[in-house]
Amino acid sequence: MLLSRYIDDDLRECGCDEAGRGCLAGPVYAAAVILPADFFHPLLNDSKQLSEKQRYSLRPIIEAEAIAWGIGIVNAQEIDEINILRASFLAMHRAIDQLPFRPERLLIDGNRFDPIEGISHHCIVGGDAHYCSIAAASILAKTYRDDEMLRLDTDFPVYGWKQNKGYPSPSHKSAIRVHGASPHHRLTFRGVTKT
């Protein structure tokens, strides 16, 4: 059960979360979501606590009822160049850049963030289980990234991305050993370089 909608009802707050940080392949996605103060849905929760069906049923509701939302993407090559932590921050920045206006405060899932000049931010560990806007962002980031991994799977089916979504499952790591890395693998990740 989500505990709060906002930290400060007087500010236009934007929830941010990422998906795909621990994967061996594919981009990292982030979403930024500003919800109305009265938004409520009984299923809304951290995307990891929801089934795939529930996540996809919530996505069009979030998109239709949000005041604004945006998606940011950082590909595997960029991740290798700047590291996954900085790539996660960059994906969030790109998601925020997609909004039609600047929010007044950012609610960030996690304990660190690269600040954006002129916008205050508040980091919350486990925030996707406590704040509606972060939970909504986690759902958008997860479902849009899953869509991308399904698309990539059609070109690289040997890695099983349809099932593992790029995460380091035993079958995924075995496929890397047999077939080598694809153009979408993160070459700086241990599970890719040393399987």
N, C-alpha and C. Protein backbone atom coordinates (compact mmCIF):
# COMPACT_ATOMS: atom_id res chain seq x y z
N MET A 1 0.86 -1.19 0.00
CA MET A 1 0.00 0.00 0.00
C MET A 1 0.89 1.24 0.00
N LEU A 2 0.63 2.16 -0.91
CA LEU A 2 1.40 3.40 -0.98
C LEU A 2 1.01 4.32 0.18
N LEU A 3 2.01 4.98 0.75
CA LEU A 3 1.77 5.78 1.93
C LEU A 3 1.43 7.22 1.63
N SER A 4 2.02 7.78 0.57
CA SER A 4 1.90 9.22 0.34
C SER A 4 1.77 9.53 -1.14
N ARG A 5 1.11 10.63 -1.42
CA ARG A 5 1.09 11.13 -2.79
C ARG A 5 2.26 12.10 -3.01
N TYR A 6 2.45 13.00 -2.05
CA TYR A 6 3.47 14.03 -2.20
C TYR A 6 4.19 14.28 -0.90
N ILE A 7 5.36 14.86 -0.98
CA ILE A 7 6.05 15.36 0.20
C ILE A 7 5.48 16.73 0.58
N ASP A 8 5.22 17.55 -0.42
CA ASP A 8 4.72 18.91 -0.19
C ASP A 8 3.60 19.18 -1.19
N ASP A 9 2.37 19.25 -0.72
CA ASP A 9 1.22 19.45 -1.60
C ASP A 9 1.25 20.78 -2.32
N ASP A 10 2.07 21.72 -1.85
CA ASP A 10 2.11 23.05 -2.48
C ASP A 10 3.06 23.11 -3.67
N LEU A 11 3.86 22.05 -3.88
CA LEU A 11 4.80 22.02 -5.00
C LEU A 11 4.35 21.00 -6.03
N ARG A 12 4.67 21.28 -7.29
CA ARG A 12 4.39 20.31 -8.36
C ARG A 12 5.56 19.32 -8.40
N GLU A 13 5.32 18.15 -7.81
CA GLU A 13 6.38 17.16 -7.65
C GLU A 13 6.31 16.09 -8.73
N CYS A 14 7.49 15.64 -9.13
CA CYS A 14 7.62 14.67 -10.21
C CYS A 14 8.35 13.44 -9.69
N GLY A 15 7.74 12.28 -9.81
CA GLY A 15 8.38 11.04 -9.41
C GLY A 15 9.26 10.50 -10.53
N CYS A 16 10.44 9.97 -10.16
CA CYS A 16 11.38 9.42 -11.15
C CYS A 16 11.88 8.05 -10.69
N ASP A 17 11.96 7.13 -11.64
CA ASP A 17 12.52 5.82 -11.36
C ASP A 17 13.10 5.25 -12.63
N GLU A 18 13.99 4.25 -12.48
CA GLU A 18 14.63 3.62 -13.63
C GLU A 18 14.34 2.12 -13.65
N ALA A 19 14.62 1.51 -14.80
CA ALA A 19 14.49 0.06 -14.95
C ALA A 19 15.64 -0.45 -15.81
N GLY A 20 16.18 -1.60 -15.42
CA GLY A 20 17.21 -2.24 -16.22
C GLY A 20 18.62 -1.99 -15.76
N ARG A 21 18.79 -1.48 -14.57
CA ARG A 21 20.12 -1.15 -14.09
C ARG A 21 21.00 -2.41 -13.92
N GLY A 22 20.41 -3.51 -13.50
CA GLY A 22 21.19 -4.72 -13.25
C GLY A 22 21.29 -5.67 -14.41
N CYS A 23 20.88 -5.25 -15.58
CA CYS A 23 20.87 -6.12 -16.76
C CYS A 23 22.25 -6.23 -17.40
N LEU A 24 22.45 -7.30 -18.14
CA LEU A 24 23.68 -7.47 -18.92
C LEU A 24 23.54 -6.91 -20.33
N ALA A 25 22.31 -6.72 -20.76
CA ALA A 25 22.07 -6.27 -22.14
C ALA A 25 20.91 -5.29 -22.17
N GLY A 26 20.91 -4.48 -23.22
CA GLY A 26 19.83 -3.53 -23.44
C GLY A 26 20.06 -2.21 -22.73
N PRO A 27 19.23 -1.24 -23.04
CA PRO A 27 19.34 0.09 -22.45
C PRO A 27 18.81 0.12 -21.02
N VAL A 28 19.15 1.18 -20.31
CA VAL A 28 18.47 1.51 -19.07
C VAL A 28 17.41 2.55 -19.42
N TYR A 29 16.22 2.36 -18.87
CA TYR A 29 15.09 3.27 -19.10
C TYR A 29 14.77 4.00 -17.81
N ALA A 30 14.27 5.20 -17.92
CA ALA A 30 13.75 5.93 -16.76
C ALA A 30 12.46 6.61 -17.17
N ALA A 31 11.64 6.87 -16.17
CA ALA A 31 10.40 7.62 -16.41
C ALA A 31 10.28 8.72 -15.37
N ALA A 32 9.63 9.79 -15.78
CA ALA A 32 9.30 10.91 -14.91
C ALA A 32 7.79 11.13 -15.00
N VAL A 33 7.12 11.19 -13.87
CA VAL A 33 5.66 11.27 -13.86
C VAL A 33 5.19 12.31 -12.85
N ILE A 34 4.31 13.19 -13.30
CA ILE A 34 3.63 14.14 -12.42
C ILE A 34 2.15 13.73 -12.39
N LEU A 35 1.66 13.38 -11.22
CA LEU A 35 0.27 12.94 -11.07
C LEU A 35 -0.59 14.04 -10.47
N PRO A 36 -1.88 14.04 -10.78
CA PRO A 36 -2.78 14.97 -10.08
C PRO A 36 -2.80 14.66 -8.58
N ALA A 37 -3.09 15.67 -7.78
CA ALA A 37 -3.11 15.49 -6.33
C ALA A 37 -4.14 14.46 -5.89
N ASP A 38 -5.20 14.30 -6.67
CA ASP A 38 -6.26 13.37 -6.26
C ASP A 38 -6.16 12.01 -6.97
N PHE A 39 -5.04 11.74 -7.65
CA PHE A 39 -4.92 10.46 -8.35
C PHE A 39 -4.92 9.30 -7.37
N PHE A 40 -5.69 8.28 -7.69
CA PHE A 40 -5.71 7.06 -6.89
C PHE A 40 -6.04 5.87 -7.78
N HIS A 41 -5.34 4.79 -7.57
CA HIS A 41 -5.70 3.51 -8.17
C HIS A 41 -5.31 2.43 -7.19
N PRO A 42 -6.21 1.50 -6.89
CA PRO A 42 -5.92 0.51 -5.85
C PRO A 42 -4.76 -0.43 -6.17
N LEU A 43 -4.43 -0.60 -7.44
CA LEU A 43 -3.32 -1.48 -7.81
C LEU A 43 -1.96 -0.80 -7.79
N LEU A 44 -1.94 0.52 -7.79
CA LEU A 44 -0.68 1.25 -7.95
C LEU A 44 0.29 0.89 -6.83
N ASN A 45 1.49 0.44 -7.23
CA ASN A 45 2.53 0.04 -6.29
C ASN A 45 3.84 -0.03 -7.05
N ASP A 46 4.92 -0.29 -6.33
CA ASP A 46 6.21 -0.57 -6.93
C ASP A 46 6.03 -1.62 -8.02
N SER A 47 6.59 -1.37 -9.21
CA SER A 47 6.38 -2.28 -10.34
C SER A 47 6.85 -3.70 -10.03
N LYS A 48 7.85 -3.85 -9.16
CA LYS A 48 8.36 -5.19 -8.82
C LYS A 48 7.35 -5.99 -8.01
N GLN A 49 6.39 -5.30 -7.40
CA GLN A 49 5.36 -5.99 -6.61
C GLN A 49 4.13 -6.34 -7.44
N LEU A 50 4.15 -5.98 -8.71
CA LEU A 50 2.99 -6.21 -9.59
C LEU A 50 3.31 -7.28 -10.62
N SER A 51 2.27 -7.94 -11.11
CA SER A 51 2.45 -8.88 -12.20
C SER A 51 2.62 -8.12 -13.51
N GLU A 52 3.12 -8.79 -14.51
CA GLU A 52 3.25 -8.16 -15.82
C GLU A 52 1.90 -7.65 -16.31
N LYS A 53 0.87 -8.44 -16.14
CA LYS A 53 -0.48 -8.04 -16.57
C LYS A 53 -0.93 -6.78 -15.84
N GLN A 54 -0.68 -6.71 -14.54
CA GLN A 54 -1.06 -5.52 -13.78
C GLN A 54 -0.29 -4.29 -14.24
N ARG A 55 1.01 -4.45 -14.50
CA ARG A 55 1.80 -3.30 -14.97
C ARG A 55 1.26 -2.76 -16.28
N TYR A 56 0.98 -3.66 -17.20
CA TYR A 56 0.49 -3.20 -18.51
C TYR A 56 -0.94 -2.68 -18.45
N SER A 57 -1.71 -3.12 -17.49
CA SER A 57 -3.07 -2.56 -17.34
C SER A 57 -3.01 -1.16 -16.74
N LEU A 58 -2.00 -0.90 -15.90
CA LEU A 58 -1.87 0.42 -15.28
C LEU A 58 -1.25 1.45 -16.22
N ARG A 59 -0.41 1.02 -17.16
CA ARG A 59 0.30 1.99 -17.99
C ARG A 59 -0.63 2.96 -18.71
N PRO A 60 -1.66 2.50 -19.43
CA PRO A 60 -2.51 3.49 -20.11
C PRO A 60 -3.28 4.38 -19.15
N ILE A 61 -3.59 3.89 -17.97
CA ILE A 61 -4.28 4.71 -16.97
C ILE A 61 -3.35 5.83 -16.50
N ILE A 62 -2.11 5.48 -16.19
CA ILE A 62 -1.13 6.49 -15.77
C ILE A 62 -0.93 7.53 -16.87
N GLU A 63 -0.75 7.05 -18.10
CA GLU A 63 -0.51 7.97 -19.21
C GLU A 63 -1.69 8.90 -19.45
N ALA A 64 -2.90 8.38 -19.29
CA ALA A 64 -4.09 9.19 -19.54
C ALA A 64 -4.36 10.20 -18.43
N GLU A 65 -4.05 9.82 -17.19
CA GLU A 65 -4.43 10.67 -16.06
C GLU A 65 -3.30 11.53 -15.51
N ALA A 66 -2.07 11.22 -15.88
CA ALA A 66 -0.95 12.04 -15.40
C ALA A 66 -1.05 13.46 -15.96
N ILE A 67 -0.58 14.41 -15.18
CA ILE A 67 -0.46 15.78 -15.67
C ILE A 67 0.59 15.82 -16.77
N ALA A 68 1.67 15.07 -16.56
CA ALA A 68 2.74 14.97 -17.56
C ALA A 68 3.57 13.73 -17.26
N TRP A 69 4.16 13.17 -18.32
CA TRP A 69 5.08 12.05 -18.12
C TRP A 69 6.09 12.03 -19.27
N GLY A 70 7.25 11.45 -19.00
CA GLY A 70 8.30 11.36 -20.01
C GLY A 70 9.13 10.11 -19.80
N ILE A 71 9.76 9.66 -20.88
CA ILE A 71 10.61 8.47 -20.86
C ILE A 71 12.01 8.88 -21.32
N GLY A 72 13.04 8.39 -20.60
CA GLY A 72 14.43 8.62 -20.98
C GLY A 72 15.15 7.30 -21.18
N ILE A 73 16.04 7.25 -22.16
CA ILE A 73 16.73 6.01 -22.54
C ILE A 73 18.22 6.28 -22.66
N VAL A 74 19.02 5.35 -22.13
CA VAL A 74 20.48 5.38 -22.32
C VAL A 74 20.89 4.00 -22.80
N ASN A 75 21.51 3.93 -23.98
CA ASN A 75 21.80 2.62 -24.57
C ASN A 75 23.05 1.97 -23.98
N ALA A 76 23.29 0.73 -24.39
CA ALA A 76 24.38 -0.05 -23.81
C ALA A 76 25.74 0.59 -24.06
N GLN A 77 25.94 1.16 -25.23
CA GLN A 77 27.23 1.80 -25.53
C GLN A 77 27.48 2.99 -24.61
N GLU A 78 26.44 3.78 -24.37
CA GLU A 78 26.57 4.92 -23.45
C GLU A 78 26.83 4.44 -22.03
N ILE A 79 26.16 3.36 -21.64
CA ILE A 79 26.38 2.79 -20.30
C ILE A 79 27.84 2.40 -20.13
N ASP A 80 28.41 1.74 -21.15
CA ASP A 80 29.81 1.34 -21.08
C ASP A 80 30.74 2.55 -21.00
N GLU A 81 30.37 3.64 -21.63
CA GLU A 81 31.21 4.84 -21.64
C GLU A 81 31.20 5.59 -20.31
N ILE A 82 30.04 5.64 -19.64
CA ILE A 82 29.93 6.52 -18.47
C ILE A 82 29.65 5.77 -17.17
N ASN A 83 29.39 4.51 -17.18
CA ASN A 83 29.05 3.60 -16.09
C ASN A 83 27.54 3.62 -15.80
N ILE A 84 27.08 2.57 -15.17
CA ILE A 84 25.63 2.39 -15.03
C ILE A 84 25.00 3.38 -14.06
N LEU A 85 25.73 3.79 -13.02
CA LEU A 85 25.15 4.76 -12.10
C LEU A 85 24.90 6.09 -12.81
N ARG A 86 25.90 6.58 -13.50
CA ARG A 86 25.73 7.84 -14.22
C ARG A 86 24.71 7.69 -15.35
N ALA A 87 24.65 6.51 -15.96
CA ALA A 87 23.66 6.28 -17.01
C ALA A 87 22.24 6.32 -16.46
N SER A 88 22.06 5.81 -15.24
CA SER A 88 20.73 5.87 -14.62
C SER A 88 20.31 7.31 -14.37
N PHE A 89 21.26 8.12 -13.89
CA PHE A 89 20.95 9.54 -13.69
C PHE A 89 20.64 10.22 -15.02
N LEU A 90 21.43 9.89 -16.05
CA LEU A 90 21.21 10.51 -17.36
C LEU A 90 19.85 10.12 -17.93
N ALA A 91 19.46 8.86 -17.75
CA ALA A 91 18.14 8.44 -18.23
C ALA A 91 17.03 9.23 -17.53
N MET A 92 17.19 9.47 -16.23
CA MET A 92 16.20 10.28 -15.51
C MET A 92 16.19 11.70 -16.03
N HIS A 93 17.37 12.28 -16.25
CA HIS A 93 17.44 13.63 -16.81
C HIS A 93 16.73 13.70 -18.15
N ARG A 94 16.95 12.69 -18.99
CA ARG A 94 16.30 12.68 -20.31
C ARG A 94 14.79 12.54 -20.19
N ALA A 95 14.33 11.76 -19.21
CA ALA A 95 12.88 11.63 -18.99
C ALA A 95 12.30 12.97 -18.56
N ILE A 96 12.98 13.65 -17.64
CA ILE A 96 12.51 14.96 -17.17
C ILE A 96 12.51 15.97 -18.31
N ASP A 97 13.50 15.88 -19.20
CA ASP A 97 13.56 16.78 -20.35
C ASP A 97 12.37 16.59 -21.29
N GLN A 98 11.73 15.43 -21.25
CA GLN A 98 10.57 15.17 -22.11
C GLN A 98 9.29 15.81 -21.59
N LEU A 99 9.31 16.26 -20.35
CA LEU A 99 8.11 16.89 -19.79
C LEU A 99 7.86 18.23 -20.47
N PRO A 100 6.60 18.62 -20.60
CA PRO A 100 6.30 19.90 -21.26
C PRO A 100 6.62 21.12 -20.41
N PHE A 101 6.92 20.92 -19.14
CA PHE A 101 7.30 22.02 -18.24
C PHE A 101 8.20 21.44 -17.15
N ARG A 102 8.90 22.32 -16.47
CA ARG A 102 9.81 21.87 -15.41
C ARG A 102 9.05 21.69 -14.10
N PRO A 103 9.20 20.56 -13.46
CA PRO A 103 8.59 20.39 -12.14
C PRO A 103 9.32 21.23 -11.11
N GLU A 104 8.69 21.39 -9.95
CA GLU A 104 9.30 22.19 -8.88
C GLU A 104 10.16 21.36 -7.95
N ARG A 105 9.86 20.07 -7.85
CA ARG A 105 10.67 19.17 -7.04
C ARG A 105 10.64 17.77 -7.65
N LEU A 106 11.76 17.07 -7.54
CA LEU A 106 11.86 15.70 -8.03
C LEU A 106 11.90 14.74 -6.85
N LEU A 107 11.12 13.69 -6.94
CA LEU A 107 11.16 12.60 -5.97
C LEU A 107 11.88 11.44 -6.64
N ILE A 108 13.06 11.11 -6.17
CA ILE A 108 13.93 10.15 -6.83
C ILE A 108 13.94 8.84 -6.05
N ASP A 109 13.69 7.73 -6.74
CA ASP A 109 13.82 6.44 -6.10
C ASP A 109 15.30 6.10 -5.97
N GLY A 110 15.78 5.95 -4.73
CA GLY A 110 17.19 5.64 -4.52
C GLY A 110 17.82 6.61 -3.55
N ASN A 111 19.14 6.46 -3.38
CA ASN A 111 19.83 7.29 -2.39
C ASN A 111 20.77 8.33 -2.99
N ARG A 112 20.86 8.38 -4.33
CA ARG A 112 21.74 9.36 -4.97
C ARG A 112 21.10 9.87 -6.25
N PHE A 113 21.51 11.09 -6.64
CA PHE A 113 21.00 11.68 -7.88
C PHE A 113 21.96 12.79 -8.30
N ASP A 114 22.08 12.98 -9.59
CA ASP A 114 22.86 14.09 -10.14
C ASP A 114 21.93 15.29 -10.26
N PRO A 115 22.09 16.31 -9.45
CA PRO A 115 21.11 17.40 -9.40
C PRO A 115 20.92 18.11 -10.74
N ILE A 116 19.73 18.63 -10.93
CA ILE A 116 19.41 19.47 -12.08
C ILE A 116 19.28 20.90 -11.56
N GLU A 117 20.01 21.79 -12.17
CA GLU A 117 20.01 23.18 -11.70
C GLU A 117 18.60 23.76 -11.75
N GLY A 118 18.20 24.35 -10.64
CA GLY A 118 16.91 25.01 -10.58
C GLY A 118 15.76 24.13 -10.14
N ILE A 119 16.02 22.83 -9.92
CA ILE A 119 14.96 21.93 -9.46
C ILE A 119 15.47 21.21 -8.21
N SER A 120 14.76 21.36 -7.11
CA SER A 120 15.16 20.63 -5.91
C SER A 120 14.80 19.16 -6.06
N HIS A 121 15.49 18.30 -5.33
CA HIS A 121 15.17 16.87 -5.40
C HIS A 121 15.27 16.24 -4.03
N HIS A 122 14.56 15.16 -3.89
CA HIS A 122 14.53 14.42 -2.63
C HIS A 122 14.71 12.95 -2.97
N CYS A 123 15.76 12.31 -2.47
CA CYS A 123 16.02 10.89 -2.72
C CYS A 123 15.35 10.04 -1.64
N ILE A 124 14.65 9.00 -2.05
CA ILE A 124 13.94 8.13 -1.12
C ILE A 124 14.27 6.69 -1.46
N VAL A 125 14.97 6.01 -0.57
CA VAL A 125 15.25 4.59 -0.77
C VAL A 125 13.94 3.82 -0.65
N GLY A 126 13.64 3.01 -1.66
CA GLY A 126 12.35 2.30 -1.69
C GLY A 126 11.18 3.21 -1.95
N GLY A 127 11.46 4.35 -2.57
CA GLY A 127 10.40 5.33 -2.81
C GLY A 127 9.27 4.83 -3.70
N ASP A 128 9.58 3.84 -4.57
CA ASP A 128 8.54 3.32 -5.45
C ASP A 128 7.49 2.53 -4.69
N ALA A 129 7.74 2.20 -3.43
CA ALA A 129 6.75 1.53 -2.61
C ALA A 129 6.03 2.50 -1.67
N HIS A 130 6.40 3.78 -1.72
CA HIS A 130 5.83 4.74 -0.78
C HIS A 130 5.20 5.98 -1.42
N TYR A 131 5.60 6.33 -2.63
CA TYR A 131 5.07 7.53 -3.27
C TYR A 131 4.44 7.18 -4.61
N CYS A 132 3.23 7.66 -4.79
CA CYS A 132 2.45 7.30 -5.99
C CYS A 132 3.17 7.66 -7.28
N SER A 133 3.75 8.86 -7.33
CA SER A 133 4.36 9.30 -8.59
C SER A 133 5.60 8.47 -8.92
N ILE A 134 6.36 8.05 -7.89
CA ILE A 134 7.52 7.19 -8.15
C ILE A 134 7.06 5.81 -8.60
N ALA A 135 6.01 5.28 -7.96
CA ALA A 135 5.47 3.98 -8.37
C ALA A 135 5.00 4.04 -9.82
N ALA A 136 4.33 5.12 -10.19
CA ALA A 136 3.87 5.27 -11.57
C ALA A 136 5.05 5.31 -12.53
N ALA A 137 6.11 6.03 -12.13
CA ALA A 137 7.32 6.08 -12.96
C ALA A 137 7.96 4.71 -13.09
N SER A 138 7.96 3.94 -12.01
CA SER A 138 8.56 2.60 -12.08
C SER A 138 7.81 1.71 -13.06
N ILE A 139 6.50 1.86 -13.12
CA ILE A 139 5.68 1.06 -14.04
C ILE A 139 5.95 1.45 -15.49
N LEU A 140 6.01 2.75 -15.76
CA LEU A 140 6.29 3.17 -17.14
C LEU A 140 7.69 2.76 -17.57
N ALA A 141 8.68 2.96 -16.71
CA ALA A 141 10.05 2.60 -17.07
C ALA A 141 10.15 1.09 -17.34
N LYS A 142 9.56 0.30 -16.48
CA LYS A 142 9.63 -1.16 -16.62
C LYS A 142 8.92 -1.64 -17.88
N THR A 143 7.72 -1.17 -18.14
CA THR A 143 6.97 -1.68 -19.29
C THR A 143 7.57 -1.22 -20.62
N TYR A 144 8.05 0.02 -20.67
CA TYR A 144 8.66 0.49 -21.92
C TYR A 144 9.99 -0.23 -22.17
N ARG A 145 10.73 -0.51 -21.12
CA ARG A 145 11.97 -1.26 -21.31
C ARG A 145 11.67 -2.71 -21.73
N ASP A 146 10.67 -3.32 -21.11
CA ASP A 146 10.30 -4.69 -21.50
C ASP A 146 9.89 -4.73 -22.97
N ASP A 147 9.15 -3.73 -23.43
CA ASP A 147 8.77 -3.65 -24.85
C ASP A 147 10.01 -3.65 -25.74
N GLU A 148 11.02 -2.87 -25.33
CA GLU A 148 12.24 -2.78 -26.13
C GLU A 148 12.99 -4.11 -26.14
N MET A 149 13.05 -4.80 -25.01
CA MET A 149 13.74 -6.08 -24.98
C MET A 149 13.01 -7.14 -25.81
N LEU A 150 11.70 -7.08 -25.86
CA LEU A 150 10.95 -7.98 -26.74
C LEU A 150 11.26 -7.68 -28.21
N ARG A 151 11.39 -6.40 -28.53
CA ARG A 151 11.73 -6.03 -29.91
C ARG A 151 13.14 -6.52 -30.25
N LEU A 152 14.09 -6.32 -29.34
CA LEU A 152 15.46 -6.76 -29.60
C LEU A 152 15.56 -8.28 -29.68
N ASP A 153 14.71 -8.97 -28.97
CA ASP A 153 14.72 -10.43 -28.98
C ASP A 153 14.43 -10.99 -30.37
N THR A 154 13.64 -10.28 -31.15
CA THR A 154 13.32 -10.78 -32.50
C THR A 154 14.56 -10.83 -33.38
N ASP A 155 15.54 -9.95 -33.13
CA ASP A 155 16.79 -9.95 -33.90
C ASP A 155 17.87 -10.83 -33.26
N PHE A 156 17.77 -11.06 -31.95
CA PHE A 156 18.80 -11.83 -31.23
C PHE A 156 18.13 -12.86 -30.33
N PRO A 157 17.39 -13.80 -30.89
CA PRO A 157 16.61 -14.74 -30.06
C PRO A 157 17.45 -15.70 -29.22
N VAL A 158 18.73 -15.89 -29.58
CA VAL A 158 19.54 -16.89 -28.87
C VAL A 158 19.77 -16.53 -27.41
N TYR A 159 19.59 -15.26 -27.03
CA TYR A 159 19.87 -14.83 -25.66
C TYR A 159 18.66 -14.94 -24.73
N GLY A 160 17.51 -15.23 -25.28
CA GLY A 160 16.31 -15.41 -24.45
C GLY A 160 15.79 -14.14 -23.82
N TRP A 161 15.99 -12.99 -24.46
CA TRP A 161 15.55 -11.73 -23.87
C TRP A 161 14.04 -11.64 -23.71
N LYS A 162 13.32 -12.41 -24.48
CA LYS A 162 11.86 -12.44 -24.33
C LYS A 162 11.49 -12.90 -22.92
N GLN A 163 12.30 -13.80 -22.37
CA GLN A 163 12.04 -14.30 -21.02
C GLN A 163 12.82 -13.52 -19.95
N ASN A 164 14.13 -13.32 -20.18
CA ASN A 164 14.96 -12.75 -19.11
C ASN A 164 15.11 -11.23 -19.16
N LYS A 165 14.64 -10.61 -20.24
CA LYS A 165 14.68 -9.15 -20.41
C LYS A 165 16.08 -8.56 -20.25
N GLY A 166 17.11 -9.39 -20.47
CA GLY A 166 18.48 -8.91 -20.38
C GLY A 166 19.13 -9.11 -19.03
N TYR A 167 18.38 -9.61 -18.06
CA TYR A 167 18.95 -9.85 -16.74
C TYR A 167 19.86 -11.07 -16.77
N PRO A 168 20.76 -11.21 -15.80
CA PRO A 168 21.79 -12.26 -15.84
C PRO A 168 21.29 -13.64 -15.39
N SER A 169 20.34 -14.20 -16.12
CA SER A 169 19.89 -15.56 -15.83
C SER A 169 20.96 -16.56 -16.26
N PRO A 170 20.96 -17.77 -15.72
CA PRO A 170 21.93 -18.78 -16.15
C PRO A 170 21.89 -19.05 -17.66
N SER A 171 20.70 -19.10 -18.23
CA SER A 171 20.59 -19.37 -19.67
C SER A 171 21.14 -18.20 -20.50
N HIS A 172 20.95 -16.97 -20.00
CA HIS A 172 21.47 -15.80 -20.70
C HIS A 172 23.00 -15.82 -20.69
N LYS A 173 23.59 -16.09 -19.53
CA LYS A 173 25.04 -16.13 -19.43
C LYS A 173 25.63 -17.29 -20.25
N SER A 174 24.91 -18.39 -20.29
CA SER A 174 25.35 -19.52 -21.11
C SER A 174 25.34 -19.16 -22.59
N ALA A 175 24.31 -18.43 -23.01
CA ALA A 175 24.22 -18.01 -24.41
C ALA A 175 25.35 -17.06 -24.79
N ILE A 176 25.76 -16.21 -23.84
CA ILE A 176 26.91 -15.32 -24.11
C ILE A 176 28.18 -16.14 -24.30
N ARG A 177 28.36 -17.17 -23.47
CA ARG A 177 29.54 -18.02 -23.62
C ARG A 177 29.57 -18.71 -24.97
N VAL A 178 28.41 -19.14 -25.44
CA VAL A 178 28.33 -19.90 -26.70
C VAL A 178 28.40 -18.97 -27.91
N HIS A 179 27.68 -17.87 -27.87
CA HIS A 179 27.50 -17.01 -29.05
C HIS A 179 28.30 -15.72 -29.00
N GLY A 180 28.89 -15.42 -27.85
CA GLY A 180 29.56 -14.14 -27.70
C GLY A 180 28.55 -13.03 -27.41
N ALA A 181 29.06 -11.82 -27.25
CA ALA A 181 28.20 -10.67 -26.94
C ALA A 181 27.57 -10.10 -28.20
N SER A 182 26.37 -9.58 -28.04
CA SER A 182 25.68 -8.88 -29.13
C SER A 182 26.02 -7.40 -29.09
N PRO A 183 25.60 -6.64 -30.10
CA PRO A 183 25.81 -5.18 -30.04
C PRO A 183 25.04 -4.50 -28.90
N HIS A 184 24.11 -5.22 -28.29
CA HIS A 184 23.30 -4.63 -27.22
C HIS A 184 23.77 -5.05 -25.83
N HIS A 185 24.85 -5.83 -25.73
CA HIS A 185 25.38 -6.20 -24.43
C HIS A 185 26.25 -5.08 -23.86
N ARG A 186 26.29 -5.02 -22.54
CA ARG A 186 27.10 -4.04 -21.83
C ARG A 186 28.47 -4.68 -21.59
N LEU A 187 29.43 -4.30 -22.37
CA LEU A 187 30.71 -4.98 -22.40
C LEU A 187 31.54 -4.76 -21.14
N THR A 188 31.20 -3.75 -20.36
CA THR A 188 31.93 -3.49 -19.12
C THR A 188 31.36 -4.27 -17.94
N PHE A 189 30.29 -5.02 -18.15
CA PHE A 189 29.67 -5.76 -17.06
C PHE A 189 30.32 -7.13 -16.90
N ARG A 190 30.57 -7.51 -15.68
CA ARG A 190 31.26 -8.76 -15.39
C ARG A 190 30.55 -9.98 -15.98
N GLY A 191 29.25 -10.01 -15.96
CA GLY A 191 28.52 -11.15 -16.52
C GLY A 191 28.66 -11.30 -18.00
N VAL A 192 29.13 -10.25 -18.68
CA VAL A 192 29.36 -10.31 -20.12
C VAL A 192 30.82 -10.66 -20.42
N THR A 193 31.72 -10.05 -19.69
CA THR A 193 33.14 -10.25 -19.95
C THR A 193 33.69 -11.52 -19.31
N LYS A 194 33.09 -11.95 -18.18
CA LYS A 194 33.52 -13.16 -17.49
C LYS A 194 32.29 -13.97 -17.10
N THR A 195 31.84 -14.82 -18.01
CA THR A 195 30.65 -15.62 -17.73
C THR A 195 31.11 -16.96 -17.25
